[in-house]
């Protein structure tokens, strides 16, 4: 990074995640202000919430944390826990029963 001299993404010093609304959380490097965002429910980080995210969430619930981003994205209902309630929330959203993630 030309601003904070980080040579790899993981070398940035990120602040805590903050909720920016619309099921999106953000944090930024405390040195250069580079921002990263996370869409709750989009575990595959492809910008789309679909059946692949449901499959990965099932894996996370059964096997535990994969990485920090996936752990944050897994909390679809944003209650601070990753559990079956997130799976239900995600399934309702993908099926079209719920228009928004809580």
N, C-alpha and C. Protein backbone atom coordinates (compact mmCIF):
# COMPACT_ATOMS: atom_id res chain seq x y z
N UNK A 1 0.85 -1.18 0.00
CA UNK A 1 0.00 0.00 0.00
C UNK A 1 0.90 1.24 0.00
N UNK A 2 0.61 2.18 -0.84
CA UNK A 2 1.44 3.39 -0.91
C UNK A 2 1.22 4.31 0.28
N UNK A 3 0.12 4.14 1.00
CA UNK A 3 -0.16 5.02 2.13
C UNK A 3 0.38 4.51 3.46
N UNK A 4 0.24 3.18 3.71
CA UNK A 4 0.67 2.68 5.02
C UNK A 4 1.77 1.64 4.92
N UNK A 5 2.31 1.42 3.74
CA UNK A 5 3.43 0.51 3.48
C UNK A 5 3.11 -0.97 3.67
N UNK A 6 1.85 -1.33 3.78
CA UNK A 6 1.49 -2.74 3.88
C UNK A 6 1.78 -3.40 2.53
N UNK A 7 2.49 -4.52 2.56
CA UNK A 7 2.81 -5.19 1.30
C UNK A 7 1.79 -6.27 0.97
N UNK A 8 1.00 -6.67 1.94
CA UNK A 8 -0.06 -7.64 1.72
C UNK A 8 -1.31 -7.14 2.44
N UNK A 9 -2.46 -7.62 1.97
CA UNK A 9 -3.73 -7.20 2.55
C UNK A 9 -3.76 -7.42 4.05
N UNK A 10 -3.24 -8.55 4.51
CA UNK A 10 -3.33 -8.89 5.93
C UNK A 10 -2.46 -8.00 6.82
N UNK A 11 -1.60 -7.20 6.23
CA UNK A 11 -0.74 -6.33 7.03
C UNK A 11 -1.40 -5.00 7.39
N UNK A 12 -2.55 -4.69 6.78
CA UNK A 12 -3.27 -3.47 7.17
C UNK A 12 -3.75 -3.63 8.60
N UNK A 13 -3.89 -2.52 9.31
CA UNK A 13 -4.35 -2.54 10.70
C UNK A 13 -5.80 -2.07 10.70
N UNK A 14 -6.73 -3.03 10.76
CA UNK A 14 -8.14 -2.69 10.63
C UNK A 14 -8.79 -2.39 11.97
N UNK A 15 -9.73 -1.45 11.92
CA UNK A 15 -10.54 -1.10 13.09
C UNK A 15 -11.62 -2.16 13.27
N UNK A 16 -12.44 -1.99 14.28
CA UNK A 16 -13.57 -2.90 14.51
C UNK A 16 -14.60 -2.73 13.40
N UNK A 17 -15.37 -3.80 13.16
CA UNK A 17 -16.44 -3.73 12.17
C UNK A 17 -17.56 -2.84 12.69
N UNK A 18 -18.13 -2.01 11.82
CA UNK A 18 -19.28 -1.19 12.18
C UNK A 18 -20.41 -1.46 11.19
N UNK A 19 -21.63 -1.42 11.68
CA UNK A 19 -22.79 -1.67 10.84
C UNK A 19 -23.10 -0.41 10.06
N UNK A 20 -23.07 -0.50 8.72
CA UNK A 20 -23.38 0.66 7.89
C UNK A 20 -24.77 0.56 7.29
N UNK A 21 -25.58 -0.38 7.77
CA UNK A 21 -26.95 -0.53 7.30
C UNK A 21 -27.05 -1.45 6.10
N UNK A 22 -28.27 -1.78 5.72
CA UNK A 22 -28.54 -2.65 4.57
C UNK A 22 -27.76 -3.95 4.62
N UNK A 23 -27.63 -4.55 5.80
CA UNK A 23 -26.94 -5.83 5.99
C UNK A 23 -25.47 -5.77 5.60
N UNK A 24 -24.86 -4.60 5.68
CA UNK A 24 -23.45 -4.45 5.33
C UNK A 24 -22.68 -3.91 6.54
N UNK A 25 -21.54 -4.52 6.81
CA UNK A 25 -20.64 -4.01 7.85
C UNK A 25 -19.35 -3.58 7.17
N UNK A 26 -18.68 -2.60 7.75
CA UNK A 26 -17.43 -2.09 7.18
C UNK A 26 -16.39 -1.91 8.27
N UNK A 27 -15.12 -1.96 7.86
CA UNK A 27 -14.03 -1.52 8.72
C UNK A 27 -12.94 -0.97 7.82
N UNK A 28 -12.07 -0.17 8.41
CA UNK A 28 -11.04 0.46 7.60
C UNK A 28 -9.69 0.40 8.30
N UNK A 29 -8.63 0.48 7.50
CA UNK A 29 -7.27 0.49 8.03
C UNK A 29 -7.09 1.77 8.84
N UNK A 30 -6.57 1.64 10.05
CA UNK A 30 -6.40 2.81 10.92
C UNK A 30 -5.27 3.71 10.45
N UNK A 31 -4.45 3.23 9.52
CA UNK A 31 -3.34 4.04 9.02
C UNK A 31 -3.68 4.73 7.71
N UNK A 32 -4.16 3.95 6.71
CA UNK A 32 -4.39 4.53 5.38
C UNK A 32 -5.87 4.69 5.03
N UNK A 33 -6.77 4.23 5.87
CA UNK A 33 -8.22 4.35 5.68
C UNK A 33 -8.78 3.46 4.57
N UNK A 34 -8.01 2.48 4.08
CA UNK A 34 -8.55 1.52 3.13
C UNK A 34 -9.75 0.84 3.77
N UNK A 35 -10.88 0.76 3.07
CA UNK A 35 -12.10 0.21 3.63
C UNK A 35 -12.42 -1.15 3.05
N UNK A 36 -12.88 -2.05 3.90
CA UNK A 36 -13.35 -3.35 3.49
C UNK A 36 -14.78 -3.49 3.98
N UNK A 37 -15.63 -4.08 3.15
CA UNK A 37 -17.02 -4.27 3.57
C UNK A 37 -17.39 -5.75 3.53
N UNK A 38 -18.42 -6.08 4.26
CA UNK A 38 -18.90 -7.45 4.36
C UNK A 38 -20.41 -7.42 4.29
N UNK A 39 -21.00 -8.17 3.34
CA UNK A 39 -22.45 -8.28 3.25
C UNK A 39 -22.87 -9.49 4.07
N UNK A 40 -23.65 -9.26 5.12
CA UNK A 40 -24.14 -10.36 5.94
C UNK A 40 -24.96 -11.31 5.07
N UNK A 41 -24.67 -12.59 5.17
CA UNK A 41 -25.36 -13.59 4.37
C UNK A 41 -24.62 -13.99 3.11
N UNK A 42 -23.67 -13.15 2.66
CA UNK A 42 -22.90 -13.46 1.45
C UNK A 42 -21.59 -14.12 1.85
N UNK A 43 -21.67 -15.37 2.27
CA UNK A 43 -20.50 -16.09 2.78
C UNK A 43 -19.46 -16.35 1.70
N UNK A 44 -19.90 -16.48 0.46
CA UNK A 44 -18.98 -16.76 -0.64
C UNK A 44 -18.32 -15.49 -1.17
N UNK A 45 -18.74 -14.33 -0.68
CA UNK A 45 -18.16 -13.03 -1.04
C UNK A 45 -18.18 -12.80 -2.56
N UNK A 46 -19.31 -13.18 -3.20
CA UNK A 46 -19.45 -12.95 -4.63
C UNK A 46 -20.45 -11.86 -4.96
N UNK A 47 -20.98 -11.19 -3.93
CA UNK A 47 -21.92 -10.10 -4.13
C UNK A 47 -23.36 -10.55 -4.31
N UNK A 48 -23.60 -11.86 -4.24
CA UNK A 48 -24.94 -12.42 -4.42
C UNK A 48 -25.23 -13.36 -3.25
N UNK A 49 -26.42 -13.26 -2.68
CA UNK A 49 -26.82 -14.19 -1.63
C UNK A 49 -27.69 -15.26 -2.28
N UNK A 50 -27.20 -16.51 -2.25
CA UNK A 50 -27.91 -17.59 -2.93
C UNK A 50 -27.69 -18.93 -2.21
N UNK A 51 -28.08 -20.01 -2.87
CA UNK A 51 -28.01 -21.35 -2.29
C UNK A 51 -26.58 -21.75 -1.89
N UNK A 52 -25.58 -21.22 -2.58
CA UNK A 52 -24.20 -21.53 -2.24
C UNK A 52 -23.83 -20.96 -0.86
N UNK A 53 -24.41 -19.82 -0.53
CA UNK A 53 -24.18 -19.23 0.79
C UNK A 53 -24.86 -20.06 1.87
N UNK A 54 -26.05 -20.60 1.56
CA UNK A 54 -26.75 -21.47 2.51
C UNK A 54 -25.92 -22.72 2.77
N UNK A 55 -25.37 -23.31 1.71
CA UNK A 55 -24.56 -24.52 1.86
C UNK A 55 -23.32 -24.24 2.72
N UNK A 56 -22.67 -23.10 2.48
CA UNK A 56 -21.48 -22.76 3.26
C UNK A 56 -21.85 -22.46 4.71
N UNK A 57 -23.00 -21.82 4.93
CA UNK A 57 -23.44 -21.54 6.30
C UNK A 57 -23.69 -22.84 7.06
N UNK A 58 -24.27 -23.82 6.41
CA UNK A 58 -24.47 -25.13 7.06
C UNK A 58 -23.12 -25.71 7.49
N UNK A 59 -22.12 -25.58 6.62
CA UNK A 59 -20.78 -26.08 6.93
C UNK A 59 -20.19 -25.33 8.12
N UNK A 60 -20.36 -24.01 8.15
CA UNK A 60 -19.85 -23.21 9.26
C UNK A 60 -20.52 -23.61 10.57
N UNK A 61 -21.84 -23.81 10.54
CA UNK A 61 -22.57 -24.19 11.76
C UNK A 61 -22.10 -25.55 12.27
N UNK A 62 -21.88 -26.48 11.35
CA UNK A 62 -21.47 -27.83 11.75
C UNK A 62 -20.00 -27.92 12.15
N UNK A 63 -19.12 -27.22 11.42
CA UNK A 63 -17.68 -27.38 11.60
C UNK A 63 -16.98 -26.21 12.29
N UNK A 64 -17.67 -25.10 12.46
CA UNK A 64 -17.05 -23.95 13.11
C UNK A 64 -16.48 -22.95 12.14
N UNK A 65 -15.82 -21.98 12.70
CA UNK A 65 -15.28 -20.83 11.97
C UNK A 65 -14.32 -21.24 10.85
N UNK A 66 -14.46 -20.60 9.69
CA UNK A 66 -13.55 -20.82 8.56
C UNK A 66 -12.49 -19.72 8.53
N UNK A 67 -12.93 -18.48 8.52
CA UNK A 67 -12.04 -17.33 8.58
C UNK A 67 -12.85 -16.15 9.11
N UNK A 68 -12.20 -15.03 9.35
CA UNK A 68 -12.87 -13.90 9.98
C UNK A 68 -14.01 -13.37 9.13
N UNK A 69 -13.78 -13.20 7.82
CA UNK A 69 -14.82 -12.67 6.94
C UNK A 69 -16.04 -13.59 6.93
N UNK A 70 -15.81 -14.89 6.73
CA UNK A 70 -16.91 -15.84 6.66
C UNK A 70 -17.67 -15.89 7.97
N UNK A 71 -16.96 -15.78 9.08
CA UNK A 71 -17.61 -15.77 10.38
C UNK A 71 -18.54 -14.57 10.51
N UNK A 72 -18.08 -13.40 10.07
CA UNK A 72 -18.91 -12.20 10.14
C UNK A 72 -20.10 -12.30 9.18
N UNK A 73 -19.85 -12.76 7.95
CA UNK A 73 -20.92 -12.89 6.96
C UNK A 73 -21.95 -13.94 7.38
N UNK A 74 -21.51 -14.93 8.17
CA UNK A 74 -22.41 -16.00 8.62
C UNK A 74 -23.49 -15.50 9.57
N UNK A 75 -23.25 -14.40 10.22
CA UNK A 75 -24.23 -13.85 11.17
C UNK A 75 -25.30 -13.08 10.39
N UNK A 76 -26.15 -13.81 9.66
CA UNK A 76 -27.13 -13.21 8.76
C UNK A 76 -28.15 -12.33 9.48
N UNK A 77 -28.51 -12.69 10.71
CA UNK A 77 -29.49 -11.88 11.44
C UNK A 77 -28.83 -10.85 12.36
N UNK A 78 -27.53 -10.78 12.34
CA UNK A 78 -26.72 -9.79 13.06
C UNK A 78 -27.03 -9.73 14.56
N UNK A 79 -27.15 -10.93 15.18
CA UNK A 79 -27.38 -10.96 16.62
C UNK A 79 -26.10 -11.26 17.40
N UNK A 80 -24.98 -11.39 16.68
CA UNK A 80 -23.70 -11.65 17.33
C UNK A 80 -23.36 -13.12 17.48
N UNK A 81 -24.26 -14.00 17.07
CA UNK A 81 -24.04 -15.44 17.15
C UNK A 81 -24.27 -16.08 15.79
N UNK A 82 -23.55 -17.15 15.50
CA UNK A 82 -23.77 -17.91 14.27
C UNK A 82 -24.41 -19.22 14.67
N UNK A 83 -25.68 -19.39 14.26
CA UNK A 83 -26.43 -20.58 14.65
C UNK A 83 -27.57 -20.85 13.67
N UNK A 84 -28.46 -21.75 14.03
CA UNK A 84 -29.56 -22.14 13.15
C UNK A 84 -30.48 -20.97 12.81
N UNK A 85 -30.57 -19.98 13.69
CA UNK A 85 -31.40 -18.80 13.40
C UNK A 85 -30.88 -18.07 12.17
N UNK A 86 -29.57 -18.04 11.99
CA UNK A 86 -28.99 -17.42 10.79
C UNK A 86 -29.34 -18.22 9.55
N UNK A 87 -29.34 -19.53 9.68
CA UNK A 87 -29.69 -20.40 8.56
C UNK A 87 -31.14 -20.16 8.14
N UNK A 88 -32.04 -20.07 9.10
CA UNK A 88 -33.46 -19.80 8.80
C UNK A 88 -33.60 -18.44 8.13
N UNK A 89 -32.92 -17.43 8.65
CA UNK A 89 -32.97 -16.09 8.06
C UNK A 89 -32.49 -16.11 6.61
N UNK A 90 -31.40 -16.78 6.36
CA UNK A 90 -30.82 -16.85 5.02
C UNK A 90 -31.74 -17.64 4.08
N UNK A 91 -32.31 -18.74 4.54
CA UNK A 91 -33.21 -19.53 3.71
C UNK A 91 -34.45 -18.72 3.33
N UNK A 92 -35.02 -17.99 4.27
CA UNK A 92 -36.19 -17.15 3.98
C UNK A 92 -35.85 -16.08 2.95
N UNK A 93 -34.67 -15.50 3.06
CA UNK A 93 -34.25 -14.46 2.12
C UNK A 93 -34.08 -15.05 0.71
N UNK A 94 -33.38 -16.17 0.61
CA UNK A 94 -33.14 -16.79 -0.69
C UNK A 94 -34.45 -17.27 -1.33
N UNK A 95 -35.36 -17.79 -0.53
CA UNK A 95 -36.66 -18.26 -1.05
C UNK A 95 -37.58 -17.11 -1.43
N UNK A 96 -37.27 -15.90 -0.98
CA UNK A 96 -38.10 -14.75 -1.28
C UNK A 96 -39.19 -14.50 -0.26
N UNK A 97 -39.18 -15.27 0.84
CA UNK A 97 -40.17 -15.09 1.91
C UNK A 97 -39.92 -13.79 2.65
N UNK A 98 -38.64 -13.43 2.79
CA UNK A 98 -38.25 -12.18 3.44
C UNK A 98 -37.49 -11.32 2.43
N UNK A 99 -37.89 -10.06 2.31
CA UNK A 99 -37.25 -9.17 1.33
C UNK A 99 -35.93 -8.62 1.81
N UNK A 100 -35.70 -8.63 3.12
CA UNK A 100 -34.45 -8.10 3.67
C UNK A 100 -33.90 -9.04 4.72
N UNK A 101 -32.60 -8.99 4.92
CA UNK A 101 -31.98 -9.68 6.04
C UNK A 101 -32.14 -8.79 7.26
N UNK A 102 -32.41 -9.38 8.42
CA UNK A 102 -32.60 -8.58 9.63
C UNK A 102 -31.28 -8.12 10.16
